[in-house]
Amino acid sequence: MQNNNFTNILFTIFVTASLCGCVVPEPPKIPFNSSEVSWAQKTGSSTIKGCVSGAEFTAFDTYHLADGTYSSSPVMSSSVEIPQKNFTIDLLPESDYMHVLAKKMHIYSLRLNDYTILNDHRWVDPSVLPFIPHFSCPSAGPNICTSPGHFIFSNLPAGNWYIVASYNPTKEDKTAGVTVHKITTIDGKMVPFISWVGARNKICKP
């Protein structure tokens, strides 16, 4: 069961094609007030224990085209859940600036075929990055990336966040996309988090 402090407030998307490759993301145009989010730089006693789940199709329908060639499409009911081994987690401390940033990511992620992790210059000014705790799996190591698709993010301060799960596609992990949720960390407590993209059978647990 997911904690009541965790609610999906924005979206869960499964990017299968680019709608437009010409959109260039850029930082929010409103001022960034570091004093609003300075608490995010502190060491705390909160923990997020999460699961990031992707999906793949196991069956395809093949059909004959008028030009003599063949094409195929996935059988939607054949979608199965798989652990996402390559992903990035970003925690945006709640503020007006971060709210706009999260909404911009939602819009751009539907249009970009080269979506990358949040923490690059295309999304935020470098001065903002120190206020966004983040890591990538599996490169963060076994203390954080505890098993494929699973992580433990510890020593976080208590507060309200937008948690961004970026699916980093590789030859092994073919799922691409991003999810954004709202989550509240609590001193001395472990908060569960689950990100699903594309899976019909949802069994992933933190």
Protein backbone atom coordinates (compact mmCIF):
# COMPACT_ATOMS: atom_id res chain seq x y z
CA MET A 1 0.00 0.00 0.00
CA GLN A 2 1.25 3.45 -0.81
CA ASN A 3 1.48 6.01 1.97
CA ASN A 4 -1.32 8.60 2.03
CA ASN A 5 1.41 11.24 1.88
CA PHE A 6 2.15 10.07 -1.66
CA THR A 7 -0.25 11.17 -4.35
CA ASN A 8 0.08 11.26 -8.08
CA ILE A 9 -0.69 14.87 -8.94
CA LEU A 10 0.57 15.35 -12.44
CA PHE A 11 0.95 12.45 -14.79
CA THR A 12 2.23 9.05 -15.75
CA ILE A 13 3.22 8.78 -19.37
CA PHE A 14 4.59 6.18 -21.69
CA VAL A 15 6.50 7.80 -24.53
CA THR A 16 6.15 5.74 -27.67
CA ALA A 17 6.81 8.41 -30.28
CA SER A 18 7.86 12.00 -30.58
CA LEU A 19 5.15 14.51 -31.38
CA CYS A 20 7.68 17.19 -32.29
CA GLY A 21 11.46 17.23 -32.10
CA CYS A 22 11.80 21.00 -32.44
CA VAL A 23 10.84 22.03 -28.91
CA VAL A 24 13.81 23.16 -26.84
CA PRO A 25 13.31 23.06 -23.06
CA GLU A 26 14.55 25.95 -20.97
CA PRO A 27 14.45 26.93 -17.29
CA PRO A 28 11.28 28.53 -15.87
CA LYS A 29 11.09 32.24 -16.51
CA ILE A 30 9.99 33.13 -12.99
CA PRO A 31 12.58 34.12 -10.34
CA PHE A 32 14.15 31.37 -8.26
CA ASN A 33 14.03 32.11 -4.53
CA SER A 34 16.65 29.93 -2.87
CA SER A 35 15.41 30.82 0.63
CA GLU A 36 12.14 28.98 -0.13
CA VAL A 37 13.96 25.69 -0.72
CA SER A 38 17.11 26.02 1.40
CA TRP A 39 15.76 23.28 3.66
CA ALA A 40 16.31 20.77 0.83
CA GLN A 41 20.08 21.03 1.32
CA LYS A 42 19.94 19.88 4.93
CA THR A 43 20.65 16.36 6.12
CA GLY A 44 17.62 14.74 7.68
CA SER A 45 16.30 11.41 8.96
CA SER A 46 13.67 10.75 6.27
CA THR A 47 13.87 7.90 3.76
CA ILE A 48 12.14 7.13 0.48
CA LYS A 49 12.01 3.45 -0.48
CA GLY A 50 10.93 3.08 -4.07
CA CYS A 51 10.23 0.86 -7.04
CA VAL A 52 10.53 2.00 -10.67
CA SER A 53 8.66 -0.29 -13.05
CA GLY A 54 8.80 -0.39 -16.83
CA ALA A 55 6.98 -2.59 -19.31
CA GLU A 56 7.48 -4.51 -22.52
CA PHE A 57 5.20 -6.30 -24.98
CA THR A 58 5.54 -10.04 -25.40
CA ALA A 59 3.24 -10.50 -28.42
CA PHE A 60 2.76 -8.67 -31.72
CA ASP A 61 0.22 -8.77 -34.52
CA THR A 62 1.72 -8.86 -38.02
CA TYR A 63 -0.23 -7.59 -40.99
CA HIS A 64 0.28 -7.18 -44.72
CA LEU A 65 0.46 -3.68 -46.21
CA ALA A 66 -0.80 -2.60 -49.61
CA ASP A 67 2.74 -2.09 -50.90
CA GLY A 68 3.57 -5.73 -50.27
CA THR A 69 5.53 -5.22 -47.08
CA TYR A 70 4.66 -6.33 -43.59
CA SER A 71 4.29 -4.40 -40.38
CA SER A 72 3.41 -5.26 -36.82
CA SER A 73 1.83 -3.73 -33.77
CA PRO A 74 1.97 -4.82 -30.14
CA VAL A 75 -0.86 -6.75 -28.55
CA MET A 76 -1.81 -4.42 -25.72
CA SER A 77 -2.89 -7.25 -23.44
CA SER A 78 0.60 -8.77 -23.70
CA SER A 79 2.24 -5.89 -21.80
CA VAL A 80 4.17 -7.21 -18.81
CA GLU A 81 5.87 -5.37 -16.00
CA ILE A 82 9.67 -5.39 -15.82
CA PRO A 83 12.03 -3.67 -13.39
CA GLN A 84 13.58 -0.50 -14.82
CA LYS A 85 17.31 -0.93 -14.21
CA ASN A 86 18.34 2.47 -15.62
CA PHE A 87 16.57 5.48 -14.15
CA THR A 88 17.13 8.81 -12.44
CA ILE A 89 15.32 10.14 -9.39
CA ASP A 90 15.12 13.91 -8.80
CA LEU A 91 13.50 15.56 -5.78
CA LEU A 92 12.18 19.06 -6.44
CA PRO A 93 11.47 20.84 -3.14
CA GLU A 94 8.00 22.32 -3.33
CA SER A 95 7.96 25.98 -4.36
CA ASP A 96 6.46 28.15 -7.09
CA TYR A 97 9.58 27.74 -9.23
CA MET A 98 9.67 23.95 -8.87
CA HIS A 99 5.94 23.70 -9.58
CA VAL A 100 6.43 25.51 -12.88
CA LEU A 101 9.45 23.34 -13.65
CA ALA A 102 7.45 20.15 -13.06
CA LYS A 103 4.64 21.36 -15.33
CA LYS A 104 7.14 22.32 -18.05
CA MET A 105 8.66 18.85 -17.90
CA HIS A 106 5.22 17.35 -18.44
CA ILE A 107 4.66 19.46 -21.55
CA TYR A 108 8.12 18.94 -23.05
CA SER A 109 8.34 15.23 -22.33
CA LEU A 110 5.40 14.69 -24.68
CA ARG A 111 7.26 16.43 -27.50
CA LEU A 112 10.91 15.49 -27.16
CA ASN A 113 12.45 12.35 -28.60
CA ASP A 114 15.74 13.11 -26.86
CA TYR A 115 14.42 13.53 -23.34
CA THR A 116 17.27 13.45 -20.84
CA ILE A 117 17.50 13.68 -17.09
CA LEU A 118 16.26 16.77 -15.32
CA ASN A 119 19.64 17.81 -14.02
CA ASP A 120 21.16 19.37 -17.10
CA HIS A 121 21.33 22.94 -18.31
CA ARG A 122 18.31 22.47 -20.59
CA TRP A 123 15.95 22.35 -17.60
CA VAL A 124 17.41 24.45 -14.82
CA ASP A 125 20.09 27.03 -14.26
CA PRO A 126 23.21 25.51 -12.63
CA SER A 127 22.60 27.63 -9.52
CA VAL A 128 19.37 25.68 -8.89
CA LEU A 129 20.91 22.19 -9.05
CA PRO A 130 22.32 22.14 -5.48
CA PHE A 131 18.74 22.37 -4.21
CA ILE A 132 17.61 19.24 -6.10
CA PRO A 133 18.71 15.95 -4.48
CA HIS A 134 19.12 13.32 -7.16
CA PHE A 135 20.80 10.07 -8.16
CA SER A 136 20.87 7.65 -11.09
CA CYS A 137 20.73 3.86 -11.00
CA PRO A 138 22.71 1.70 -11.28
CA SER A 139 25.63 4.17 -11.11
CA ALA A 140 24.74 5.34 -7.58
CA GLY A 141 25.80 1.94 -6.26
CA PRO A 142 24.20 -0.83 -4.20
CA ASN A 143 23.60 1.27 -1.09
CA ILE A 144 21.02 3.31 -3.04
CA CYS A 145 20.20 1.03 -5.99
CA THR A 146 19.43 -2.00 -3.89
CA SER A 147 18.19 -4.24 -6.75
CA PRO A 148 16.98 -3.77 -10.34
CA GLY A 149 14.13 -1.26 -10.27
CA HIS A 150 14.45 -0.59 -6.54
CA PHE A 151 16.12 2.14 -4.49
CA ILE A 152 16.48 3.57 -0.99
CA PHE A 153 17.08 7.33 -0.71
CA SER A 154 18.08 8.14 2.87
CA ASN A 155 19.08 11.11 5.07
CA LEU A 156 16.52 13.42 3.49
CA PRO A 157 15.00 16.40 5.29
CA ALA A 158 11.29 16.38 6.04
CA GLY A 159 9.15 18.31 3.60
CA ASN A 160 7.01 18.35 0.47
CA TRP A 161 8.55 17.45 -2.89
CA TYR A 162 7.84 16.75 -6.53
CA ILE A 163 9.54 13.43 -7.20
CA VAL A 164 10.57 12.93 -10.81
CA ALA A 165 11.38 9.43 -12.08
CA SER A 166 13.15 9.58 -15.44
CA TYR A 167 13.28 6.35 -17.43
CA ASN A 168 16.67 6.21 -19.17
CA PRO A 169 16.32 3.94 -22.22
CA THR A 170 19.18 1.60 -23.10
CA LYS A 171 19.50 -1.51 -25.25
CA GLU A 172 18.45 -3.43 -22.15
CA ASP A 173 15.77 -1.04 -20.86
CA LYS A 174 13.56 0.07 -23.73
CA THR A 175 11.05 2.06 -21.69
CA ALA A 176 11.41 5.83 -22.10
CA GLY A 177 9.46 8.48 -20.28
CA VAL A 178 9.04 10.34 -17.05
CA THR A 179 6.62 10.35 -14.12
CA VAL A 180 6.03 13.15 -11.65
CA HIS A 181 4.34 12.69 -8.30
CA LYS A 182 4.04 14.62 -5.08
CA ILE A 183 5.55 13.07 -1.98
CA THR A 184 6.00 14.13 1.65
CA THR A 185 9.00 13.00 3.68
CA ILE A 186 8.69 12.71 7.45
CA ASP A 187 11.44 12.80 10.06
CA GLY A 188 12.40 9.30 11.16
CA LYS A 189 9.97 7.65 8.73
CA MET A 190 10.24 5.60 5.54
CA VAL A 191 7.86 6.69 2.77
CA PRO A 192 7.07 4.25 -0.08
CA PHE A 193 7.16 5.32 -3.71
CA ILE A 194 6.11 3.49 -6.88
CA SER A 195 6.51 4.64 -10.48
CA TRP A 196 4.67 2.71 -13.20
CA VAL A 197 4.98 3.28 -16.94
CA GLY A 198 3.06 1.22 -19.46
CA ALA A 199 2.48 -1.89 -17.38
CA ARG A 200 -0.95 -3.50 -17.26
CA ASN A 201 -0.06 -5.91 -14.45
CA LYS A 202 1.23 -3.78 -11.60
CA ILE A 203 3.02 -5.85 -8.98
CA CYS A 204 6.08 -3.71 -8.25
CA LYS A 205 6.51 -3.04 -4.53
CA PRO A 206 9.07 -0.87 -2.73
